C-alpha atoms as a PDB file:
ATOM      1  CA  UNK A   1      30.331  36.068  33.637  1.00  0.00           C
ATOM      2  CA  UNK A   2      31.346  33.540  31.713  1.00  0.00           C
ATOM      3  CA  UNK A   3      30.609  30.965  33.948  1.00  0.00           C
ATOM      4  CA  UNK A   4      26.989  32.001  33.488  1.00  0.00           C
ATOM      5  CA  UNK A   5      27.037  31.663  29.903  1.00  0.00           C
ATOM      6  CA  UNK A   6      27.368  27.831  30.426  1.00  0.00           C
ATOM      7  CA  UNK A   7      26.245  27.512  34.241  1.00  0.00           C
ATOM      8  CA  UNK A   8      23.779  24.612  34.127  1.00  0.00           C
ATOM      9  CA  UNK A   9      21.958  26.166  37.043  1.00  0.00           C
ATOM     10  CA  UNK A  10      21.264  28.900  34.959  1.00  0.00           C
ATOM     11  CA  UNK A  11      17.636  29.991  34.240  1.00  0.00           C
ATOM     12  CA  UNK A  12      17.117  30.221  30.466  1.00  0.00           C
ATOM     13  CA  UNK A  13      14.212  30.581  28.280  1.00  0.00           C
ATOM     14  CA  UNK A  14      13.038  27.709  26.041  1.00  0.00           C
ATOM     15  CA  UNK A  15      14.633  27.716  22.622  1.00  0.00           C
ATOM     16  CA  UNK A  16      10.970  27.287  20.867  1.00  0.00           C
ATOM     17  CA  UNK A  17       9.885  31.122  20.147  1.00  0.00           C
ATOM     18  CA  UNK A  18       6.469  30.222  21.145  1.00  0.00           C
ATOM     19  CA  UNK A  19       7.288  29.153  24.424  1.00  0.00           C
ATOM     20  CA  UNK A  20       7.556  31.000  27.310  1.00  0.00           C
ATOM     21  CA  UNK A  21       8.435  28.452  29.784  1.00  0.00           C
ATOM     22  CA  UNK A  22      11.901  28.926  31.434  1.00  0.00           C
ATOM     23  CA  UNK A  23      14.146  25.942  33.017  1.00  0.00           C
ATOM     24  CA  UNK A  24      17.271  25.444  33.654  1.00  0.00           C
ATOM     25  CA  UNK A  25      20.132  24.936  31.400  1.00  0.00           C
ATOM     26  CA  UNK A  26      20.739  21.484  32.041  1.00  0.00           C
ATOM     27  CA  UNK A  27      16.989  20.709  31.772  1.00  0.00           C
ATOM     28  CA  UNK A  28      16.375  22.366  28.032  1.00  0.00           C
ATOM     29  CA  UNK A  29      17.383  18.535  26.557  1.00  0.00           C
ATOM     30  CA  UNK A  30      14.616  17.272  27.823  1.00  0.00           C
ATOM     31  CA  UNK A  31      11.843  20.289  27.907  1.00  0.00           C
ATOM     32  CA  UNK A  32      12.571  20.075  24.145  1.00  0.00           C
ATOM     33  CA  UNK A  33      12.070  16.194  23.804  1.00  0.00           C
ATOM     34  CA  UNK A  34       9.304  15.235  26.313  1.00  0.00           C
ATOM     35  CA  UNK A  35       7.829  18.764  28.068  1.00  0.00           C
ATOM     36  CA  UNK A  36       7.535  21.693  25.499  1.00  0.00           C
ATOM     37  CA  UNK A  37       4.400  21.938  24.269  1.00  0.00           C
ATOM     38  CA  UNK A  38       5.315  23.526  21.337  1.00  0.00           C
ATOM     39  CA  UNK A  39       7.989  21.035  20.291  1.00  0.00           C
ATOM     40  CA  UNK A  40       7.322  19.151  16.718  1.00  0.00           C
ATOM     41  CA  UNK A  41       6.299  15.358  16.773  1.00  0.00           C
ATOM     42  CA  UNK A  42       5.806  13.262  13.428  1.00  0.00           C
ATOM     43  CA  UNK A  43       1.955  12.258  12.856  1.00  0.00           C
ATOM     44  CA  UNK A  44       1.815   8.635  13.209  1.00  0.00           C
ATOM     45  CA  UNK A  45      -0.383   8.612  10.261  1.00  0.00           C
ATOM     46  CA  UNK A  46       0.815  10.973   7.256  1.00  0.00           C
ATOM     47  CA  UNK A  47       4.646  11.298   9.219  1.00  0.00           C
ATOM     48  CA  UNK A  48       4.758  15.099   9.127  1.00  0.00           C
ATOM     49  CA  UNK A  49       6.605  16.691  12.007  1.00  0.00           C
ATOM     50  CA  UNK A  50       3.472  18.906  13.715  1.00  0.00           C
ATOM     51  CA  UNK A  51       3.697  20.822  16.456  1.00  0.00           C
ATOM     52  CA  UNK A  52       2.238  18.609  19.547  1.00  0.00           C
ATOM     53  CA  UNK A  53      -0.169  21.138  20.693  1.00  0.00           C
ATOM     54  CA  UNK A  54      -1.615  20.952  17.236  1.00  0.00           C
ATOM     55  CA  UNK A  55      -1.142  17.016  16.855  1.00  0.00           C
ATOM     56  CA  UNK A  56      -4.877  16.268  17.497  1.00  0.00           C
ATOM     57  CA  UNK A  57      -6.422  18.761  15.331  1.00  0.00           C
ATOM     58  CA  UNK A  58      -3.981  17.870  12.399  1.00  0.00           C
ATOM     59  CA  UNK A  59      -5.269  14.122  12.796  1.00  0.00           C
ATOM     60  CA  UNK A  60      -8.687  14.614  13.485  1.00  0.00           C
ATOM     61  CA  UNK A  61      -9.478  17.702  10.702  1.00  0.00           C
ATOM     62  CA  UNK A  62      -6.980  18.011   8.262  1.00  0.00           C
ATOM     63  CA  UNK A  63      -4.179  14.884   8.340  1.00  0.00           C
ATOM     64  CA  UNK A  64      -4.972  13.048   4.834  1.00  0.00           C
ATOM     65  CA  UNK A  65      -3.633   9.708   6.281  1.00  0.00           C
ATOM     66  CA  UNK A  66      -5.920   9.661   9.101  1.00  0.00           C
ATOM     67  CA  UNK A  67      -8.261   6.661   9.011  1.00  0.00           C
ATOM     68  CA  UNK A  68     -11.935   7.480   8.538  1.00  0.00           C
ATOM     69  CA  UNK A  69     -15.151   5.582   8.527  1.00  0.00           C
ATOM     70  CA  UNK A  70     -16.614   5.620   4.916  1.00  0.00           C
ATOM     71  CA  UNK A  71     -19.768   8.223   5.163  1.00  0.00           C
ATOM     72  CA  UNK A  72     -21.885   5.004   3.635  1.00  0.00           C
ATOM     73  CA  UNK A  73     -21.406   3.098   6.687  1.00  0.00           C
ATOM     74  CA  UNK A  74     -19.413   0.314   4.765  1.00  0.00           C
ATOM     75  CA  UNK A  75     -17.252  -1.657   6.908  1.00  0.00           C
ATOM     76  CA  UNK A  76     -14.038   0.250   5.164  1.00  0.00           C
ATOM     77  CA  UNK A  77     -11.960   2.682   6.603  1.00  0.00           C
ATOM     78  CA  UNK A  78      -9.908   4.690   4.406  1.00  0.00           C
ATOM     79  CA  UNK A  79      -7.355   7.185   4.647  1.00  0.00           C
ATOM     80  CA  UNK A  80      -9.154  10.514   4.626  1.00  0.00           C
ATOM     81  CA  UNK A  81      -7.419  11.494   1.431  1.00  0.00           C
ATOM     82  CA  UNK A  82      -9.215   8.503  -0.421  1.00  0.00           C
ATOM     83  CA  UNK A  83     -12.571   8.808   0.552  1.00  0.00           C
ATOM     84  CA  UNK A  84     -13.290  10.254  -2.898  1.00  0.00           C
ATOM     85  CA  UNK A  85     -11.898   7.663  -4.618  1.00  0.00           C
ATOM     86  CA  UNK A  86     -13.394   5.187  -2.379  1.00  0.00           C
ATOM     87  CA  UNK A  87     -16.811   6.015  -3.117  1.00  0.00           C
ATOM     88  CA  UNK A  88     -16.642   5.469  -6.406  1.00  0.00           C
ATOM     89  CA  UNK A  89     -16.203   1.739  -5.561  1.00  0.00           C
ATOM     90  CA  UNK A  90     -17.810   1.501  -2.393  1.00  0.00           C
ATOM     91  CA  UNK A  91     -20.529  -1.366  -2.622  1.00  0.00           C
ATOM     92  CA  UNK A  92     -22.960   0.889  -0.080  1.00  0.00           C
ATOM     93  CA  UNK A  93     -23.394   4.093  -2.212  1.00  0.00           C
ATOM     94  CA  UNK A  94     -26.407   4.859  -3.847  1.00  0.00           C
ATOM     95  CA  UNK A  95     -26.025   5.066  -7.688  1.00  0.00           C
ATOM     96  CA  UNK A  96     -29.183   5.234 -10.483  1.00  0.00           C
ATOM     97  CA  UNK A  97     -29.589   1.722 -12.274  1.00  0.00           C
ATOM     98  CA  UNK A  98     -27.459   2.028 -15.631  1.00  0.00           C
ATOM     99  CA  UNK A  99     -31.027   2.212 -17.405  1.00  0.00           C
ATOM    100  CA  UNK A 100     -32.288   5.574 -16.258  1.00  0.00           C
ATOM    101  CA  UNK A 101     -31.339   6.974 -19.371  1.00  0.00           C
ATOM    102  CA  UNK A 102     -34.162   4.824 -20.968  1.00  0.00           C
ATOM    103  CA  UNK A 103     -36.373   5.591 -18.239  1.00  0.00           C
ATOM    104  CA  UNK A 104     -35.843   3.166 -15.237  1.00  0.00           C
ATOM    105  CA  UNK A 105     -36.207   4.924 -11.972  1.00  0.00           C
ATOM    106  CA  UNK A 106     -34.786   2.438  -9.568  1.00  0.00           C
ATOM    107  CA  UNK A 107     -32.043   3.747  -7.501  1.00  0.00           C
ATOM    108  CA  UNK A 108     -30.203   1.134  -5.178  1.00  0.00           C
ATOM    109  CA  UNK A 109     -26.550   0.426  -3.270  1.00  0.00           C
ATOM    110  CA  UNK A 110     -24.289  -0.679  -5.890  1.00  0.00           C
ATOM    111  CA  UNK A 111     -24.259  -4.021  -4.703  1.00  0.00           C
ATOM    112  CA  UNK A 112     -27.497  -4.306  -4.839  1.00  0.00           C
ATOM    113  CA  UNK A 113     -28.231  -2.868  -8.483  1.00  0.00           C
ATOM    114  CA  UNK A 114     -26.485  -5.890 -10.114  1.00  0.00           C
ATOM    115  CA  UNK A 115     -29.453  -8.074  -8.675  1.00  0.00           C
ATOM    116  CA  UNK A 116     -32.017  -5.754 -10.027  1.00  0.00           C
ATOM    117  CA  UNK A 117     -30.441  -5.267 -13.516  1.00  0.00           C
ATOM    118  CA  UNK A 118     -31.196  -9.118 -13.336  1.00  0.00           C
ATOM    119  CA  UNK A 119     -34.417  -9.347 -12.322  1.00  0.00           C
ATOM    120  CA  UNK A 120     -35.779  -6.246 -14.417  1.00  0.00           C
ATOM    121  CA  UNK A 121     -34.033  -7.369 -17.978  1.00  0.00           C
ATOM    122  CA  UNK A 122     -37.797  -7.932 -19.539  1.00  0.00           C
ATOM    123  CA  UNK A 123     -38.471  -3.935 -18.396  1.00  0.00           C
ATOM    124  CA  UNK A 124     -35.349  -3.262 -19.397  1.00  0.00           C
ATOM    125  CA  UNK A 125     -35.482  -3.920 -22.814  1.00  0.00           C
ATOM    126  CA  UNK A 126     -39.077  -2.993 -23.215  1.00  0.00           C
ATOM    127  CA  UNK A 127     -37.631   0.743 -21.978  1.00  0.00           C
ATOM    128  CA  UNK A 128     -34.641  -0.060 -24.666  1.00  0.00           C
ATOM    129  CA  UNK A 129     -37.158  -1.046 -27.259  1.00  0.00           C
ATOM    130  CA  UNK A 130     -39.609   2.174 -26.606  1.00  0.00           C
ATOM    131  CA  UNK A 131     -36.952   4.894 -26.423  1.00  0.00           C
ATOM    132  CA  UNK A 132     -35.797   3.275 -29.730  1.00  0.00           C
ATOM    133  CA  UNK A 133     -39.425   2.995 -31.253  1.00  0.00           C
ATOM    134  CA  UNK A 134     -39.551   7.397 -30.411  1.00  0.00           C
ATOM    135  CA  UNK A 135     -36.050   7.696 -32.036  1.00  0.00           C
ATOM    136  CA  UNK A 136     -37.429   5.779 -35.382  1.00  0.00           C
ATOM    137  CA  UNK A 137     -40.709   8.220 -35.245  1.00  0.00           C
ATOM    138  CA  UNK A 138     -38.567  11.340 -35.394  1.00  0.00           C
END
């Protein structure tokens, strides 16, 4: 009886509660480190311990450090958790002209708006003057 408690060739269940596999006692360590589908491994990106069967889903859908492409298709790859931060500076993001408040209807990529501002300087001044005139008439 005492021998069976320590016998290397005794069939035992995997210590992971979710795992239903049985193996020889001598193989438990190897099973836990390499084969158990319910073992935990570190996520390569966020370094959290994740159950192996959930690792792909974690990376593709919820890992905050997983690299994703910019939604605006700029050349940058950013960690998922920093996408919103990136969008505030992304050169491919669509943005209203800073003179929208005065009536300019141009919308363009952040990287191209500077060029628009220079080219439309006279138009923008006229919009500002018109707005100023309207305010003076009140």
